[in-house]
Amino acid sequence: MDLATPVLLLGLALAVLIGVSLGLLGGGGSILTVPILVYALGLETHVAIATSLLVVGATSLAALIPHARAGRVRWRTGVLFGATSMVGAFAAGRVAHYIPGVVLLLAFGAMMVVTAIAMMRKGKKSPREAPKDAEIAYGKIVLEGFVVGAVTGLVGAGGGFLVVPALVLLGGVPMREAVGTSLLVIAMKSAAAFFGHATTVEIDYALAGMVTGAAIVGSFIGAAAAGRVPQDLLRRGFAWFVVVMAVFLLAQELPRAFGYDVSLAVDWPWIVGLLVLPVIGGITDLVRMSSKNAPTLQPSSST
């Protein structure tokens, strides 16, 4: 490991956000990890994807503990989803080595946009009572688990940005419990996908260990905050977070697909300019939601 100290410190500082995202949202860890490893720490795409699976899997296990203690994990659903997704993750991880890195990242970005839209549309529908574990259609969970696992293996995504929407949108699981359950699923299938990748790339385990340690610190911060944020606000914030990261990734990978080499050191002004739009949109939307959901103080009547 020959990274300059400022670069390494920046990468570790950003890694704390990986854990905060996992602990608070039950996903987004790999959405952050892959760009941090590629763009901040300079790892090759396939190596970054494999390393991200190790980092996110270990961090998810740590973040799972406080959620489990708070009763925010659907164990039966999580184990079944996780077990079937491990199969898809391992198989896809063996195939990913033969697909160009830019193709994997573009597919990653497109999936992020679709997921964010689905999460935002959820808020427009009337809420329904969340089913218990015994009432969930497990055949559907098996199919969803395999598909989400395959995405994990291909693009190195721990899958929380797909698992959480699947549990919320299709399973009717409350957002807080979907967050906790997602961490169990992520840990299981990240492990399977990692072993699928590990045979084809060389991983810097010292660097992976330092990034994981920083992420675990962030995971406890995120888990502590998760129980205090309203469900709708948490879901909406998750969706906007995914949008911002998708714009960041696609702004660099789309030009590369057409032969233009994007460098953050040179092209950061227009990349940051593109990020400003979804950041402002997200902040405005979340402030509006917070104001609408804030309790209205009633004037006291004099007797």
C-alpha atoms as a PDB file:
ATOM      1  CA  MET A   1       0.000   0.000   0.000  1.00  0.00           C
ATOM      2  CA  ASP A   2       1.713   3.163  -1.250  1.00  0.00           C
ATOM      3  CA  LEU A   3      -1.026   5.749  -0.851  1.00  0.00           C
ATOM      4  CA  ALA A   4       0.012   9.245   0.237  1.00  0.00           C
ATOM      5  CA  THR A   5      -1.088  10.066   3.778  1.00  0.00           C
ATOM      6  CA  PRO A   6      -3.535  12.880   2.828  1.00  0.00           C
ATOM      7  CA  VAL A   7      -5.196  10.620   0.251  1.00  0.00           C
ATOM      8  CA  LEU A   8      -5.499   7.791   2.766  1.00  0.00           C
ATOM      9  CA  LEU A   9      -6.894  10.079   5.464  1.00  0.00           C
ATOM     10  CA  LEU A  10      -9.461  11.461   3.018  1.00  0.00           C
ATOM     11  CA  GLY A  11     -10.495   7.940   2.054  1.00  0.00           C
ATOM     12  CA  LEU A  12     -10.889   6.907   5.704  1.00  0.00           C
ATOM     13  CA  ALA A  13     -12.898  10.042   6.514  1.00  0.00           C
ATOM     14  CA  LEU A  14     -15.223   9.287   3.623  1.00  0.00           C
ATOM     15  CA  ALA A  15     -15.413   5.657   4.791  1.00  0.00           C
ATOM     16  CA  VAL A  16     -17.163   6.811   7.978  1.00  0.00           C
ATOM     17  CA  LEU A  17     -20.045   7.865   5.717  1.00  0.00           C
ATOM     18  CA  ILE A  18     -20.259   4.277   4.442  1.00  0.00           C
ATOM     19  CA  GLY A  19     -21.101   3.117   7.948  1.00  0.00           C
ATOM     20  CA  VAL A  20     -23.467   6.021   8.640  1.00  0.00           C
ATOM     21  CA  SER A  21     -25.383   5.133   5.481  1.00  0.00           C
ATOM     22  CA  LEU A  22     -25.608   1.442   6.374  1.00  0.00           C
ATOM     23  CA  GLY A  23     -26.604   2.068   9.977  1.00  0.00           C
ATOM     24  CA  LEU A  24     -29.159   4.760   9.158  1.00  0.00           C
ATOM     25  CA  LEU A  25     -30.588   3.565   5.831  1.00  0.00           C
ATOM     26  CA  GLY A  26     -29.806  -0.158   5.694  1.00  0.00           C
ATOM     27  CA  GLY A  27     -28.112   0.391   2.346  1.00  0.00           C
ATOM     28  CA  GLY A  28     -26.030   2.761   0.318  1.00  0.00           C
ATOM     29  CA  GLY A  29     -22.779   1.353   1.671  1.00  0.00           C
ATOM     30  CA  SER A  30     -21.540   0.058  -1.659  1.00  0.00           C
ATOM     31  CA  ILE A  31     -22.991   3.041  -3.480  1.00  0.00           C
ATOM     32  CA  LEU A  32     -20.429   5.002  -1.467  1.00  0.00           C
ATOM     33  CA  THR A  33     -17.702   2.379  -1.147  1.00  0.00           C
ATOM     34  CA  VAL A  34     -17.113   1.691  -4.828  1.00  0.00           C
ATOM     35  CA  PRO A  35     -16.723   5.405  -5.755  1.00  0.00           C
ATOM     36  CA  ILE A  36     -14.513   6.041  -2.698  1.00  0.00           C
ATOM     37  CA  LEU A  37     -12.221   3.134  -3.548  1.00  0.00           C
ATOM     38  CA  VAL A  38     -12.086   4.006  -7.256  1.00  0.00           C
ATOM     39  CA  TYR A  39     -12.054   7.798  -7.259  1.00  0.00           C
ATOM     40  CA  ALA A  40     -10.502   8.673  -3.879  1.00  0.00           C
ATOM     41  CA  LEU A  41      -8.128   5.752  -3.270  1.00  0.00           C
ATOM     42  CA  GLY A  42      -7.390   4.925  -6.907  1.00  0.00           C
ATOM     43  CA  LEU A  43      -8.224   1.207  -6.996  1.00  0.00           C
ATOM     44  CA  GLU A  44      -8.992  -0.513 -10.293  1.00  0.00           C
ATOM     45  CA  THR A  45     -12.748  -1.098 -10.772  1.00  0.00           C
ATOM     46  CA  HIS A  46     -12.769  -4.884 -10.357  1.00  0.00           C
ATOM     47  CA  VAL A  47     -10.490  -4.695  -7.307  1.00  0.00           C
ATOM     48  CA  ALA A  48     -12.662  -1.929  -5.832  1.00  0.00           C
ATOM     49  CA  ILE A  49     -15.820  -3.990  -6.333  1.00  0.00           C
ATOM     50  CA  ALA A  50     -14.319  -7.016  -4.578  1.00  0.00           C
ATOM     51  CA  THR A  51     -12.892  -4.870  -1.761  1.00  0.00           C
ATOM     52  CA  SER A  52     -16.221  -3.096  -1.294  1.00  0.00           C
ATOM     53  CA  LEU A  53     -17.944  -6.434  -0.695  1.00  0.00           C
ATOM     54  CA  LEU A  54     -15.516  -7.199   2.150  1.00  0.00           C
ATOM     55  CA  VAL A  55     -15.900  -3.715   3.676  1.00  0.00           C
ATOM     56  CA  VAL A  56     -19.685  -3.578   3.388  1.00  0.00           C
ATOM     57  CA  GLY A  57     -20.231  -7.157   4.590  1.00  0.00           C
ATOM     58  CA  ALA A  58     -18.195  -6.656   7.765  1.00  0.00           C
ATOM     59  CA  THR A  59     -19.692  -3.217   8.433  1.00  0.00           C
ATOM     60  CA  SER A  60     -23.232  -4.559   7.968  1.00  0.00           C
ATOM     61  CA  LEU A  61     -22.614  -7.207  10.620  1.00  0.00           C
ATOM     62  CA  ALA A  62     -21.498  -4.519  13.064  1.00  0.00           C
ATOM     63  CA  ALA A  63     -24.457  -2.258  12.214  1.00  0.00           C
ATOM     64  CA  LEU A  64     -26.882  -5.172  12.607  1.00  0.00           C
ATOM     65  CA  ILE A  65     -26.198  -5.479  16.354  1.00  0.00           C
ATOM     66  CA  PRO A  66     -27.920  -2.264  17.568  1.00  0.00           C
ATOM     67  CA  HIS A  67     -30.863  -2.810  15.187  1.00  0.00           C
ATOM     68  CA  ALA A  68     -31.325  -6.361  16.495  1.00  0.00           C
ATOM     69  CA  ARG A  69     -31.238  -5.154  20.099  1.00  0.00           C
ATOM     70  CA  ALA A  70     -33.974  -2.635  19.238  1.00  0.00           C
ATOM     71  CA  GLY A  71     -36.169  -5.343  17.658  1.00  0.00           C
ATOM     72  CA  ARG A  72     -35.910  -3.904  14.140  1.00  0.00           C
ATOM     73  CA  VAL A  73     -34.950  -7.131  12.290  1.00  0.00           C
ATOM     74  CA  ARG A  74     -37.310  -9.593  10.532  1.00  0.00           C
ATOM     75  CA  TRP A  75     -35.096 -12.632  11.007  1.00  0.00           C
ATOM     76  CA  ARG A  76     -37.075 -15.239   9.027  1.00  0.00           C
ATOM     77  CA  THR A  77     -37.557 -12.965   6.035  1.00  0.00           C
ATOM     78  CA  GLY A  78     -33.953 -11.786   6.191  1.00  0.00           C
ATOM     79  CA  VAL A  79     -32.411 -15.265   6.341  1.00  0.00           C
ATOM     80  CA  LEU A  80     -34.519 -16.532   3.424  1.00  0.00           C
ATOM     81  CA  PHE A  81     -33.839 -13.431   1.313  1.00  0.00           C
ATOM     82  CA  GLY A  82     -30.164 -13.562   2.216  1.00  0.00           C
ATOM     83  CA  ALA A  83     -29.743 -17.292   1.520  1.00  0.00           C
ATOM     84  CA  THR A  84     -31.266 -17.119  -1.958  1.00  0.00           C
ATOM     85  CA  SER A  85     -29.392 -13.936  -2.788  1.00  0.00           C
ATOM     86  CA  MET A  86     -26.107 -15.618  -1.837  1.00  0.00           C
ATOM     87  CA  VAL A  87     -26.634 -18.078  -4.685  1.00  0.00           C
ATOM     88  CA  GLY A  88     -27.196 -15.297  -7.215  1.00  0.00           C
ATOM     89  CA  ALA A  89     -24.329 -13.225  -5.779  1.00  0.00           C
ATOM     90  CA  PHE A  90     -21.756 -16.016  -5.973  1.00  0.00           C
ATOM     91  CA  ALA A  91     -22.718 -16.981  -9.527  1.00  0.00           C
ATOM     92  CA  ALA A  92     -22.681 -13.389 -10.776  1.00  0.00           C
ATOM     93  CA  GLY A  93     -19.428 -12.682  -8.963  1.00  0.00           C
ATOM     94  CA  ARG A  94     -17.759 -15.408 -11.018  1.00  0.00           C
ATOM     95  CA  VAL A  95     -19.039 -13.807 -14.240  1.00  0.00           C
ATOM     96  CA  ALA A  96     -18.326 -10.142 -13.398  1.00  0.00           C
ATOM     97  CA  HIS A  97     -14.598 -10.469 -14.122  1.00  0.00           C
ATOM     98  CA  TYR A  98     -15.370 -10.861 -17.841  1.00  0.00           C
ATOM     99  CA  ILE A  99     -17.486  -7.678 -18.121  1.00  0.00           C
ATOM    100  CA  PRO A 100     -15.758  -4.293 -18.720  1.00  0.00           C
ATOM    101  CA  GLY A 101     -15.650  -2.054 -15.643  1.00  0.00           C
ATOM    102  CA  VAL A 102     -17.372   0.873 -17.363  1.00  0.00           C
ATOM    103  CA  VAL A 103     -20.307  -1.374 -18.291  1.00  0.00           C
ATOM    104  CA  LEU A 104     -20.658  -2.556 -14.685  1.00  0.00           C
ATOM    105  CA  LEU A 105     -20.628   1.007 -13.348  1.00  0.00           C
ATOM    106  CA  LEU A 106     -23.153   2.251 -15.919  1.00  0.00           C
ATOM    107  CA  ALA A 107     -25.473  -0.621 -15.019  1.00  0.00           C
ATOM    108  CA  PHE A 108     -24.943   0.241 -11.373  1.00  0.00           C
ATOM    109  CA  GLY A 109     -25.912   3.882 -11.977  1.00  0.00           C
ATOM    110  CA  ALA A 110     -29.012   2.995 -13.985  1.00  0.00           C
ATOM    111  CA  MET A 111     -30.216   0.649 -11.247  1.00  0.00           C
ATOM    112  CA  MET A 112     -29.721   3.392  -8.665  1.00  0.00           C
ATOM    113  CA  VAL A 113     -31.975   5.799 -10.605  1.00  0.00           C
ATOM    114  CA  VAL A 114     -34.750   3.217 -11.004  1.00  0.00           C
ATOM    115  CA  THR A 115     -34.619   2.365  -7.313  1.00  0.00           C
ATOM    116  CA  ALA A 116     -34.779   6.009  -6.215  1.00  0.00           C
ATOM    117  CA  ILE A 117     -37.853   6.651  -8.369  1.00  0.00           C
ATOM    118  CA  ALA A 118     -39.592   3.586  -6.933  1.00  0.00           C
ATOM    119  CA  MET A 119     -38.899   4.722  -3.370  1.00  0.00           C
ATOM    120  CA  MET A 120     -40.257   8.213  -4.055  1.00  0.00           C
ATOM    121  CA  ARG A 121     -43.409   6.871  -5.678  1.00  0.00           C
ATOM    122  CA  LYS A 122     -44.045   4.763  -2.577  1.00  0.00           C
ATOM    123  CA  GLY A 123     -44.898   7.928  -0.664  1.00  0.00           C
ATOM    124  CA  LYS A 124     -47.752   8.720  -3.081  1.00  0.00           C
ATOM    125  CA  LYS A 125     -49.592   5.524  -2.248  1.00  0.00           C
ATOM    126  CA  SER A 126     -51.827   5.068   0.743  1.00  0.00           C
ATOM    127  CA  PRO A 127     -50.130   3.121   3.531  1.00  0.00           C
ATOM    128  CA  ARG A 128     -51.258  -0.400   4.300  1.00  0.00           C
ATOM    129  CA  GLU A 129     -50.754  -2.552   7.319  1.00  0.00           C
ATOM    130  CA  ALA A 130     -47.386  -4.258   7.243  1.00  0.00           C
ATOM    131  CA  PRO A 131     -47.605  -8.059   7.128  1.00  0.00           C
ATOM    132  CA  LYS A 132     -45.908 -10.186   9.747  1.00  0.00           C
ATOM    133  CA  ASP A 133     -43.259 -12.702   8.768  1.00  0.00           C
ATOM    134  CA  ALA A 134     -45.825 -15.500   8.548  1.00  0.00           C
ATOM    135  CA  GLU A 135     -47.948 -13.516   6.050  1.00  0.00           C
ATOM    136  CA  ILE A 136     -45.187 -12.664   3.553  1.00  0.00           C
ATOM    137  CA  ALA A 137     -45.190 -14.486   0.183  1.00  0.00           C
ATOM    138  CA  TYR A 138     -41.954 -16.406   0.517  1.00  0.00           C
ATOM    139  CA  GLY A 139     -41.936 -17.559  -3.115  1.00  0.00           C
ATOM    140  CA  LYS A 140     -41.656 -13.923  -4.122  1.00  0.00           C
ATOM    141  CA  ILE A 141     -38.944 -13.340  -1.519  1.00  0.00           C
ATOM    142  CA  VAL A 142     -36.900 -16.232  -2.995  1.00  0.00           C
ATOM    143  CA  LEU A 143     -37.127 -14.807  -6.524  1.00  0.00           C
ATOM    144  CA  GLU A 144     -36.342 -11.271  -5.396  1.00  0.00           C
ATOM    145  CA  GLY A 145     -33.424 -12.528  -3.314  1.00  0.00           C
ATOM    146  CA  PHE A 146     -31.833 -14.302  -6.265  1.00  0.00           C
ATOM    147  CA  VAL A 147     -32.194 -11.281  -8.576  1.00  0.00           C
ATOM    148  CA  VAL A 148     -30.864  -8.808  -5.994  1.00  0.00           C
ATOM    149  CA  GLY A 149     -28.001 -11.178  -5.219  1.00  0.00           C
ATOM    150  CA  ALA A 150     -27.058 -11.332  -8.891  1.00  0.00           C
ATOM    151  CA  VAL A 151     -26.876  -7.526  -8.987  1.00  0.00           C
ATOM    152  CA  THR A 152     -24.640  -7.647  -5.914  1.00  0.00           C
ATOM    153  CA  GLY A 153     -22.254 -10.064  -7.562  1.00  0.00           C
ATOM    154  CA  LEU A 154     -22.064  -8.105 -10.814  1.00  0.00           C
ATOM    155  CA  VAL A 155     -21.540  -4.562  -9.565  1.00  0.00           C
ATOM    156  CA  GLY A 156     -20.290  -5.022  -6.004  1.00  0.00           C
ATOM    157  CA  ALA A 157     -23.413  -3.455  -4.498  1.00  0.00           C
ATOM    158  CA  GLY A 158     -24.201  -4.834  -1.059  1.00  0.00           C
ATOM    159  CA  GLY A 159     -27.764  -4.528  -2.290  1.00  0.00           C
ATOM    160  CA  GLY A 160     -29.350  -2.487   0.478  1.00  0.00           C
ATOM    161  CA  PHE A 161     -30.414   0.057  -2.115  1.00  0.00           C
ATOM    162  CA  LEU A 162     -32.394  -2.824  -3.677  1.00  0.00           C
ATOM    163  CA  VAL A 163     -33.230  -4.910  -0.588  1.00  0.00           C
ATOM    164  CA  VAL A 164     -34.795  -2.037   1.358  1.00  0.00           C
ATOM    165  CA  PRO A 165     -37.147  -1.047  -1.498  1.00  0.00           C
ATOM    166  CA  ALA A 166     -38.032  -4.707  -2.103  1.00  0.00           C
ATOM    167  CA  LEU A 167     -38.987  -5.172   1.552  1.00  0.00           C
ATOM    168  CA  VAL A 168     -40.867  -1.847   1.706  1.00  0.00           C
ATOM    169  CA  LEU A 169     -42.533  -1.801  -1.712  1.00  0.00           C
ATOM    170  CA  LEU A 170     -43.252  -5.509  -2.228  1.00  0.00           C
ATOM    171  CA  GLY A 171     -43.216  -6.953   1.276  1.00  0.00           C
ATOM    172  CA  GLY A 172     -44.911  -4.072   3.080  1.00  0.00           C
ATOM    173  CA  VAL A 173     -42.257  -4.129   5.818  1.00  0.00           C
ATOM    174  CA  PRO A 174     -42.017  -0.865   7.807  1.00  0.00           C
ATOM    175  CA  MET A 175     -39.021   1.240   6.814  1.00  0.00           C
ATOM    176  CA  ARG A 176     -37.178   0.915  10.136  1.00  0.00           C
ATOM    177  CA  GLU A 177     -37.506  -2.891  10.111  1.00  0.00           C
ATOM    178  CA  ALA A 178     -36.551  -2.998   6.436  1.00  0.00           C
ATOM    179  CA  VAL A 179     -33.358  -1.127   7.352  1.00  0.00           C
ATOM    180  CA  GLY A 180     -32.425  -3.629  10.067  1.00  0.00           C
ATOM    181  CA  THR A 181     -33.383  -6.690   8.001  1.00  0.00           C
ATOM    182  CA  SER A 182     -31.454  -5.373   5.012  1.00  0.00           C
ATOM    183  CA  LEU A 183     -28.226  -5.398   7.021  1.00  0.00           C
ATOM    184  CA  LEU A 184     -28.602  -9.140   7.656  1.00  0.00           C
ATOM    185  CA  VAL A 185     -29.184  -9.764   3.952  1.00  0.00           C
ATOM    186  CA  ILE A 186     -26.264  -7.543   2.910  1.00  0.00           C
ATOM    187  CA  ALA A 187     -23.825  -9.332   5.217  1.00  0.00           C
ATOM    188  CA  MET A 188     -24.833 -12.762   3.889  1.00  0.00           C
ATOM    189  CA  LYS A 189     -24.703 -12.046   0.182  1.00  0.00           C
ATOM    190  CA  SER A 190     -21.699  -9.731   0.338  1.00  0.00           C
ATOM    191  CA  ALA A 191     -19.775 -12.677   1.782  1.00  0.00           C
ATOM    192  CA  ALA A 192     -20.909 -14.951  -1.047  1.00  0.00           C
ATOM    193  CA  ALA A 193     -20.137 -12.395  -3.745  1.00  0.00           C
ATOM    194  CA  PHE A 194     -16.741 -11.640  -2.185  1.00  0.00           C
ATOM    195  CA  PHE A 195     -15.647 -15.260  -2.423  1.00  0.00           C
ATOM    196  CA  GLY A 196     -16.832 -15.255  -6.035  1.00  0.00           C
ATOM    197  CA  HIS A 197     -14.567 -12.278  -6.772  1.00  0.00           C
ATOM    198  CA  ALA A 198     -11.635 -13.192  -4.520  1.00  0.00           C
ATOM    199  CA  THR A 199     -10.341 -15.887  -6.841  1.00  0.00           C
ATOM    200  CA  THR A 200      -9.839 -13.428  -9.723  1.00  0.00           C
ATOM    201  CA  VAL A 201      -8.419 -10.261  -8.104  1.00  0.00           C
ATOM    202  CA  GLU A 202      -5.676  -9.376  -5.609  1.00  0.00           C
ATOM    203  CA  ILE A 203      -7.008  -7.479  -2.583  1.00  0.00           C
ATOM    204  CA  ASP A 204      -5.037  -5.143  -0.303  1.00  0.00           C
ATOM    205  CA  TYR A 205      -6.329  -6.479   3.020  1.00  0.00           C
ATOM    206  CA  ALA A 206      -4.500  -3.848   5.069  1.00  0.00           C
ATOM    207  CA  LEU A 207      -6.309  -1.058   3.225  1.00  0.00           C
ATOM    208  CA  ALA A 208      -9.592  -2.975   3.369  1.00  0.00           C
ATOM    209  CA  GLY A 209      -9.178  -3.364   7.139  1.00  0.00           C
ATOM    210  CA  MET A 210      -8.627   0.345   7.709  1.00  0.00           C
ATOM    211  CA  VAL A 211     -11.613   1.311   5.547  1.00  0.00           C
ATOM    212  CA  THR A 212     -13.763  -1.261   7.352  1.00  0.00           C
ATOM    213  CA  GLY A 213     -12.744   0.056  10.772  1.00  0.00           C
ATOM    214  CA  ALA A 214     -13.698   3.608   9.825  1.00  0.00           C
ATOM    215  CA  ALA A 215     -17.000   2.400   8.358  1.00  0.00           C
ATOM    216  CA  ILE A 216     -17.886   0.460  11.519  1.00  0.00           C
ATOM    217  CA  VAL A 217     -17.487   3.637  13.579  1.00  0.00           C
ATOM    218  CA  GLY A 218     -19.944   5.352  11.258  1.00  0.00           C
ATOM    219  CA  SER A 219     -22.367   2.411  11.397  1.00  0.00           C
ATOM    220  CA  PHE A 220     -22.974   2.878  15.122  1.00  0.00           C
ATOM    221  CA  ILE A 221     -23.670   6.564  14.565  1.00  0.00           C
ATOM    222  CA  GLY A 222     -26.173   5.756  11.829  1.00  0.00           C
ATOM    223  CA  ALA A 223     -27.923   3.004  13.774  1.00  0.00           C
ATOM    224  CA  ALA A 224     -28.369   5.304  16.763  1.00  0.00           C
ATOM    225  CA  ALA A 225     -30.055   7.900  14.534  1.00  0.00           C
ATOM    226  CA  ALA A 226     -32.272   5.426  12.649  1.00  0.00           C
ATOM    227  CA  GLY A 227     -34.737   4.960  15.497  1.00  0.00           C
ATOM    228  CA  ARG A 228     -35.353   8.702  15.818  1.00  0.00           C
ATOM    229  CA  VAL A 229     -36.109   9.623  12.181  1.00  0.00           C
ATOM    230  CA  PRO A 230     -39.771   9.421  10.966  1.00  0.00           C
ATOM    231  CA  GLN A 231     -40.449   6.519   8.552  1.00  0.00           C
ATOM    232  CA  ASP A 232     -41.540   8.626   5.552  1.00  0.00           C
ATOM    233  CA  LEU A 233     -38.660  11.054   5.988  1.00  0.00           C
ATOM    234  CA  LEU A 234     -36.193   8.168   6.256  1.00  0.00           C
ATOM    235  CA  ARG A 235     -37.507   6.574   3.059  1.00  0.00           C
ATOM    236  CA  ARG A 236     -37.495   9.856   1.149  1.00  0.00           C
ATOM    237  CA  GLY A 237     -33.999  10.728   2.356  1.00  0.00           C
ATOM    238  CA  PHE A 238     -32.785   7.314   1.218  1.00  0.00           C
ATOM    239  CA  ALA A 239     -34.206   7.935  -2.270  1.00  0.00           C
ATOM    240  CA  TRP A 240     -32.568  11.363  -2.625  1.00  0.00           C
ATOM    241  CA  PHE A 241     -29.259   9.997  -1.369  1.00  0.00           C
ATOM    242  CA  VAL A 242     -29.333   7.377  -4.123  1.00  0.00           C
ATOM    243  CA  VAL A 243     -30.147  10.047  -6.732  1.00  0.00           C
ATOM    244  CA  VAL A 244     -27.149  12.171  -5.716  1.00  0.00           C
ATOM    245  CA  MET A 245     -24.766   9.218  -5.848  1.00  0.00           C
ATOM    246  CA  ALA A 246     -26.183   8.094  -9.212  1.00  0.00           C
ATOM    247  CA  VAL A 247     -25.546  11.546 -10.695  1.00  0.00           C
ATOM    248  CA  PHE A 248     -21.990  11.516  -9.313  1.00  0.00           C
ATOM    249  CA  LEU A 249     -21.253   8.108 -10.813  1.00  0.00           C
ATOM    250  CA  LEU A 250     -22.971   8.603 -14.194  1.00  0.00           C
ATOM    251  CA  ALA A 251     -21.396  12.040 -14.671  1.00  0.00           C
ATOM    252  CA  GLN A 252     -18.033  10.285 -14.850  1.00  0.00           C
ATOM    253  CA  GLU A 253     -18.870   6.962 -16.462  1.00  0.00           C
ATOM    254  CA  LEU A 254     -21.129   8.159 -19.312  1.00  0.00           C
ATOM    255  CA  PRO A 255     -18.363  10.321 -20.862  1.00  0.00           C
ATOM    256  CA  ARG A 256     -15.907   7.435 -20.424  1.00  0.00           C
ATOM    257  CA  ALA A 257     -18.251   5.146 -22.342  1.00  0.00           C
ATOM    258  CA  PHE A 258     -17.845   7.516 -25.311  1.00  0.00           C
ATOM    259  CA  GLY A 259     -14.062   7.730 -25.039  1.00  0.00           C
ATOM    260  CA  TYR A 260     -13.655  10.876 -22.909  1.00  0.00           C
ATOM    261  CA  ASP A 261     -11.393  10.324 -19.892  1.00  0.00           C
ATOM    262  CA  VAL A 262     -12.917  12.133 -16.907  1.00  0.00           C
ATOM    263  CA  SER A 263     -10.628  13.136 -14.036  1.00  0.00           C
ATOM    264  CA  LEU A 264     -12.001  14.460 -10.760  1.00  0.00           C
ATOM    265  CA  ALA A 265      -8.898  16.620 -10.323  1.00  0.00           C
ATOM    266  CA  VAL A 266      -9.629  18.426 -13.606  1.00  0.00           C
ATOM    267  CA  ASP A 267     -13.363  18.054 -14.187  1.00  0.00           C
ATOM    268  CA  TRP A 268     -14.646  18.545 -10.642  1.00  0.00           C
ATOM    269  CA  PRO A 269     -16.284  21.975 -11.294  1.00  0.00           C
ATOM    270  CA  TRP A 270     -18.901  20.670 -13.713  1.00  0.00           C
ATOM    271  CA  ILE A 271     -19.366  17.424 -11.763  1.00  0.00           C
ATOM    272  CA  VAL A 272     -20.038  19.421  -8.587  1.00  0.00           C
ATOM    273  CA  GLY A 273     -22.346  21.671 -10.625  1.00  0.00           C
ATOM    274  CA  LEU A 274     -24.393  18.646 -11.657  1.00  0.00           C
ATOM    275  CA  LEU A 275     -24.568  17.453  -8.044  1.00  0.00           C
ATOM    276  CA  VAL A 276     -25.917  20.797  -6.839  1.00  0.00           C
ATOM    277  CA  LEU A 277     -29.269  20.226  -8.572  1.00  0.00           C
ATOM    278  CA  PRO A 278     -30.256  16.945  -6.842  1.00  0.00           C
ATOM    279  CA  VAL A 279     -28.768  18.132  -3.520  1.00  0.00           C
ATOM    280  CA  ILE A 280     -30.896  21.292  -3.545  1.00  0.00           C
ATOM    281  CA  GLY A 281     -33.926  19.320  -4.725  1.00  0.00           C
ATOM    282  CA  GLY A 282     -33.471  16.756  -1.962  1.00  0.00           C
ATOM    283  CA  ILE A 283     -32.971  19.324   0.800  1.00  0.00           C
ATOM    284  CA  THR A 284     -36.033  21.288  -0.363  1.00  0.00           C
ATOM    285  CA  ASP A 285     -38.165  18.158  -0.528  1.00  0.00           C
ATOM    286  CA  LEU A 286     -37.096  16.905   2.909  1.00  0.00           C
ATOM    287  CA  VAL A 287     -37.632  20.325   4.519  1.00  0.00           C
ATOM    288  CA  ARG A 288     -41.103  20.455   2.966  1.00  0.00           C
ATOM    289  CA  MET A 289     -41.911  16.976   4.280  1.00  0.00           C
ATOM    290  CA  SER A 290     -40.605  17.841   7.748  1.00  0.00           C
ATOM    291  CA  SER A 291     -42.747  20.990   7.872  1.00  0.00           C
ATOM    292  CA  LYS A 292     -45.845  19.118   6.726  1.00  0.00           C
ATOM    293  CA  ASN A 293     -45.365  16.342   9.281  1.00  0.00           C
ATOM    294  CA  ALA A 294     -44.474  18.663  12.172  1.00  0.00           C
ATOM    295  CA  PRO A 295     -47.132  18.720  14.908  1.00  0.00           C
ATOM    296  CA  THR A 296     -49.277  21.827  14.884  1.00  0.00           C
ATOM    297  CA  LEU A 297     -49.514  23.651  18.200  1.00  0.00           C
ATOM    298  CA  GLN A 298     -53.109  24.353  19.161  1.00  0.00           C
ATOM    299  CA  PRO A 299     -53.803  27.597  21.075  1.00  0.00           C
ATOM    300  CA  SER A 300     -54.927  26.965  24.597  1.00  0.00           C
ATOM    301  CA  SER A 301     -58.521  28.007  25.304  1.00  0.00           C
ATOM    302  CA  SER A 302     -59.153  30.179  28.325  1.00  0.00           C
ATOM    303  CA  THR A 303     -61.760  28.998  30.771  1.00  0.00           C
END
